[in-house]
Amino acid sequence: MAAAGDHLQVALDPVRAALRKLPPSLDAEVRDLCTRAAAIWSTAKDRIADGAGAALVRDGVLKTLEVAAKSAEVVPTGSSEAELAQRVADLDQRIAAATDGEVKAQYQAARAAVGDQQRYREHIRQGRERLVARMHNHVAALEKFELAATGLEAARAASSGAAVQQLEELSHDVAASGEALLELEIGETKPSAGAA
């Protein structure tokens, strides 16, 4: 039996493994993008004869799944947007009613801190919205690349240099989209001091 084990090889699909590791807390839209990206890999790995092209698709799909997993880690804590808005309204009333200078100053400081929380929440929301938009763009570029790569065999048979050039351009689009996803990972940027 030991001899049989020496010859047994298990080929693990890194995309399937990454898909299984996604946190259950992913929202439906991001999970759908991950499923679409994994489906691209599922068909592309067998259809794309070019090893470099298949590796590009695999790496693009893995990057999509990695960014999606990181996006689930960023969940705003503390008060909700509605609670913050209510606190702002309450503090504004207290500031207007305050007759003591120290009391008024403390309420104003509290109001400023709650305003900062609102800005941070908005920054997180915008970052997530940008991330989802980039993921849509990235998945669409992967779909486009997969389609072009699948047709490459026919293009090569017809000796069309234009099709090969188009595929190279699509490769650059997929690579650039992957780099853009890296730049937009949630939590890496902070609100600018001018926004405060």
Protein backbone atom coordinates (compact mmCIF):
# COMPACT_ATOMS: atom_id res chain seq x y z
CA MET A 1 0.00 0.00 0.00
CA ALA A 2 2.88 2.36 0.70
CA ALA A 3 4.09 1.94 -2.87
CA ALA A 4 0.70 3.01 -4.22
CA GLY A 5 0.82 6.14 -2.05
CA ASP A 6 4.19 7.07 -3.51
CA HIS A 7 2.63 7.43 -6.96
CA LEU A 8 -0.60 9.14 -5.93
CA GLN A 9 -0.72 12.79 -6.82
CA VAL A 10 -3.51 15.14 -5.91
CA ALA A 11 -3.96 18.19 -8.07
CA LEU A 12 -5.52 20.94 -5.99
CA ASP A 13 -7.32 23.73 -7.77
CA PRO A 14 -6.23 26.95 -6.03
CA VAL A 15 -9.36 28.79 -7.20
CA ARG A 16 -11.73 26.20 -5.73
CA ALA A 17 -9.73 26.24 -2.50
CA ALA A 18 -9.87 30.06 -2.32
CA LEU A 19 -13.60 30.02 -3.10
CA ARG A 20 -14.24 27.62 -0.21
CA LYS A 21 -12.26 29.88 2.15
CA LEU A 22 -14.42 32.94 1.47
CA PRO A 23 -16.08 34.19 4.64
CA PRO A 24 -19.82 33.58 4.93
CA SER A 25 -20.28 37.28 5.74
CA LEU A 26 -19.72 38.37 2.11
CA ASP A 27 -22.66 40.33 0.81
CA ALA A 28 -24.65 38.91 -2.09
CA GLU A 29 -23.19 41.19 -4.78
CA VAL A 30 -19.57 40.45 -3.90
CA ARG A 31 -20.31 36.72 -3.55
CA ASP A 32 -21.94 36.76 -7.01
CA LEU A 33 -18.84 38.38 -8.51
CA CYS A 34 -16.68 35.71 -6.86
CA THR A 35 -18.90 32.96 -8.23
CA ARG A 36 -18.73 34.47 -11.72
CA ALA A 37 -14.94 34.77 -11.50
CA ALA A 38 -14.62 31.15 -10.36
CA ALA A 39 -16.89 30.03 -13.22
CA ILE A 40 -14.58 31.83 -15.66
CA TRP A 41 -11.64 29.85 -14.29
CA SER A 42 -13.62 26.61 -14.34
CA THR A 43 -14.18 26.87 -18.08
CA ALA A 44 -10.95 28.66 -18.98
CA LYS A 45 -8.54 26.20 -17.36
CA ASP A 46 -9.51 23.49 -19.83
CA ARG A 47 -10.20 25.66 -22.87
CA ILE A 48 -7.20 27.97 -22.91
CA ALA A 49 -4.32 26.04 -24.41
CA ASP A 50 -1.79 28.80 -23.75
CA GLY A 51 -0.23 28.19 -20.32
CA ALA A 52 0.56 31.86 -19.79
CA GLY A 53 -3.01 32.84 -20.69
CA ALA A 54 -4.47 30.26 -18.32
CA ALA A 55 -2.12 31.44 -15.56
CA LEU A 56 -3.20 35.03 -16.16
CA VAL A 57 -6.87 34.08 -15.82
CA ARG A 58 -6.16 31.97 -12.72
CA ASP A 59 -4.18 34.77 -11.08
CA GLY A 60 -6.87 37.32 -11.97
CA VAL A 61 -9.58 35.14 -10.44
CA LEU A 62 -7.46 34.50 -7.33
CA LYS A 63 -6.89 38.24 -6.92
CA THR A 64 -10.65 38.84 -7.18
CA LEU A 65 -11.30 36.25 -4.45
CA GLU A 66 -8.51 37.64 -2.25
CA VAL A 67 -9.83 41.19 -2.46
CA ALA A 68 -13.38 39.99 -1.78
CA ALA A 69 -12.22 38.17 1.36
CA LYS A 70 -10.42 41.29 2.58
CA SER A 71 -13.51 43.41 1.92
CA ALA A 72 -15.49 41.25 4.35
CA GLU A 73 -12.99 42.08 7.10
CA VAL A 74 -13.88 45.77 7.00
CA VAL A 75 -17.15 46.20 8.84
CA PRO A 76 -17.90 49.54 10.46
CA THR A 77 -18.29 49.20 14.21
CA GLY A 78 -20.01 51.44 16.69
CA SER A 79 -23.14 53.44 16.07
CA SER A 80 -25.13 53.11 12.87
CA GLU A 81 -25.54 55.99 10.43
CA ALA A 82 -29.07 56.62 11.74
CA GLU A 83 -27.85 56.64 15.35
CA LEU A 84 -25.08 59.08 14.48
CA ALA A 85 -27.53 61.38 12.69
CA GLN A 86 -29.80 61.32 15.76
CA ARG A 87 -26.86 62.11 18.03
CA VAL A 88 -25.86 65.04 15.81
CA ALA A 89 -29.40 66.44 15.96
CA ASP A 90 -29.49 66.00 19.75
CA LEU A 91 -26.09 67.63 20.22
CA ASP A 92 -27.05 70.53 17.93
CA GLN A 93 -30.09 71.17 20.14
CA ARG A 94 -27.97 71.01 23.28
CA ILE A 95 -25.40 73.39 21.79
CA ALA A 96 -28.14 75.87 20.89
CA ALA A 97 -29.69 75.63 24.37
CA ALA A 98 -26.43 75.79 26.36
CA THR A 99 -25.88 78.96 28.38
CA ASP A 100 -22.63 77.94 30.08
CA GLY A 101 -19.51 78.38 27.94
CA GLU A 102 -17.82 75.19 29.19
CA VAL A 103 -20.97 73.11 28.64
CA LYS A 104 -21.34 74.51 25.13
CA ALA A 105 -17.66 73.79 24.34
CA GLN A 106 -18.00 70.17 25.51
CA TYR A 107 -21.13 69.65 23.39
CA GLN A 108 -19.36 71.19 20.41
CA ALA A 109 -16.39 68.85 20.89
CA ALA A 110 -18.77 65.89 21.11
CA ARG A 111 -20.57 67.11 17.97
CA ALA A 112 -17.23 67.32 16.12
CA ALA A 113 -16.30 63.77 17.19
CA VAL A 114 -19.66 62.40 16.01
CA GLY A 115 -19.17 64.29 12.73
CA ASP A 116 -15.79 62.60 12.35
CA GLN A 117 -17.47 59.21 12.83
CA GLN A 118 -19.93 60.08 10.07
CA ARG A 119 -17.07 61.01 7.73
CA TYR A 120 -15.20 57.77 8.51
CA ARG A 121 -18.33 55.72 7.81
CA GLU A 122 -18.80 57.58 4.53
CA HIS A 123 -15.15 56.94 3.60
CA ILE A 124 -15.61 53.21 4.28
CA ARG A 125 -18.83 53.18 2.22
CA GLN A 126 -17.13 54.96 -0.71
CA GLY A 127 -14.14 52.63 -0.54
CA ARG A 128 -16.41 49.61 -0.62
CA GLU A 129 -18.40 51.06 -3.52
CA ARG A 130 -15.18 51.65 -5.46
CA LEU A 131 -14.01 48.14 -4.66
CA VAL A 132 -17.24 46.59 -5.95
CA ALA A 133 -17.08 48.73 -9.11
CA ARG A 134 -13.47 47.62 -9.70
CA MET A 135 -14.46 44.00 -9.12
CA HIS A 136 -17.23 44.33 -11.73
CA ASN A 137 -14.69 45.78 -14.17
CA HIS A 138 -12.14 43.09 -13.36
CA VAL A 139 -14.63 40.22 -13.80
CA ALA A 140 -15.83 41.72 -17.09
CA ALA A 141 -12.20 41.97 -18.28
CA LEU A 142 -11.65 38.32 -17.30
CA GLU A 143 -14.78 37.31 -19.24
CA LYS A 144 -13.57 39.27 -22.25
CA PHE A 145 -10.11 37.73 -22.01
CA GLU A 146 -11.55 34.22 -21.69
CA LEU A 147 -13.68 34.72 -24.79
CA ALA A 148 -10.77 36.13 -26.79
CA ALA A 149 -8.40 33.38 -25.64
CA THR A 150 -10.92 30.68 -26.51
CA GLY A 151 -11.10 32.05 -30.04
CA LEU A 152 -7.32 32.32 -30.33
CA GLU A 153 -6.98 28.82 -31.78
CA ALA A 154 -9.19 29.79 -34.72
CA ALA A 155 -7.36 33.08 -35.07
CA ARG A 156 -4.01 31.29 -35.19
CA ALA A 157 -5.36 28.91 -37.81
CA ALA A 158 -6.35 31.90 -39.90
CA SER A 159 -2.93 33.50 -39.19
CA SER A 160 -4.55 36.71 -38.08
CA GLY A 161 -2.00 38.91 -36.36
CA ALA A 162 -4.76 41.33 -35.32
CA ALA A 163 -6.42 38.69 -33.10
CA VAL A 164 -3.13 37.94 -31.35
CA GLN A 165 -2.55 41.66 -30.78
CA GLN A 166 -6.09 42.04 -29.40
CA LEU A 167 -5.47 39.16 -27.00
CA GLU A 168 -2.24 40.80 -25.82
CA GLU A 169 -4.15 44.05 -25.21
CA LEU A 170 -6.76 42.15 -23.21
CA SER A 171 -3.98 40.53 -21.18
CA HIS A 172 -2.76 44.00 -20.26
CA ASP A 173 -6.33 45.03 -19.33
CA VAL A 174 -6.68 42.03 -17.00
CA ALA A 175 -3.27 42.67 -15.44
CA ALA A 176 -4.03 46.39 -14.98
CA SER A 177 -7.39 45.57 -13.44
CA GLY A 178 -5.68 43.22 -10.98
CA GLU A 179 -3.22 45.95 -10.03
CA ALA A 180 -6.08 48.41 -9.55
CA LEU A 181 -7.81 45.94 -7.23
CA LEU A 182 -4.66 45.81 -5.14
CA GLU A 183 -4.61 49.60 -4.86
CA LEU A 184 -8.22 49.71 -3.72
CA GLU A 185 -8.13 47.12 -0.96
CA ILE A 186 -10.40 48.49 1.72
CA GLY A 187 -8.75 49.93 4.77
CA GLU A 188 -5.45 50.93 3.22
CA THR A 189 -6.36 54.57 2.70
CA LYS A 190 -7.50 56.99 5.34
CA PRO A 191 -9.69 60.08 4.94
CA SER A 192 -7.63 63.09 4.03
CA ALA A 193 -7.10 65.75 6.63
CA GLY A 194 -8.91 68.20 4.34
CA ALA A 195 -12.09 66.10 4.57
CA ALA A 196 -12.28 66.54 8.35
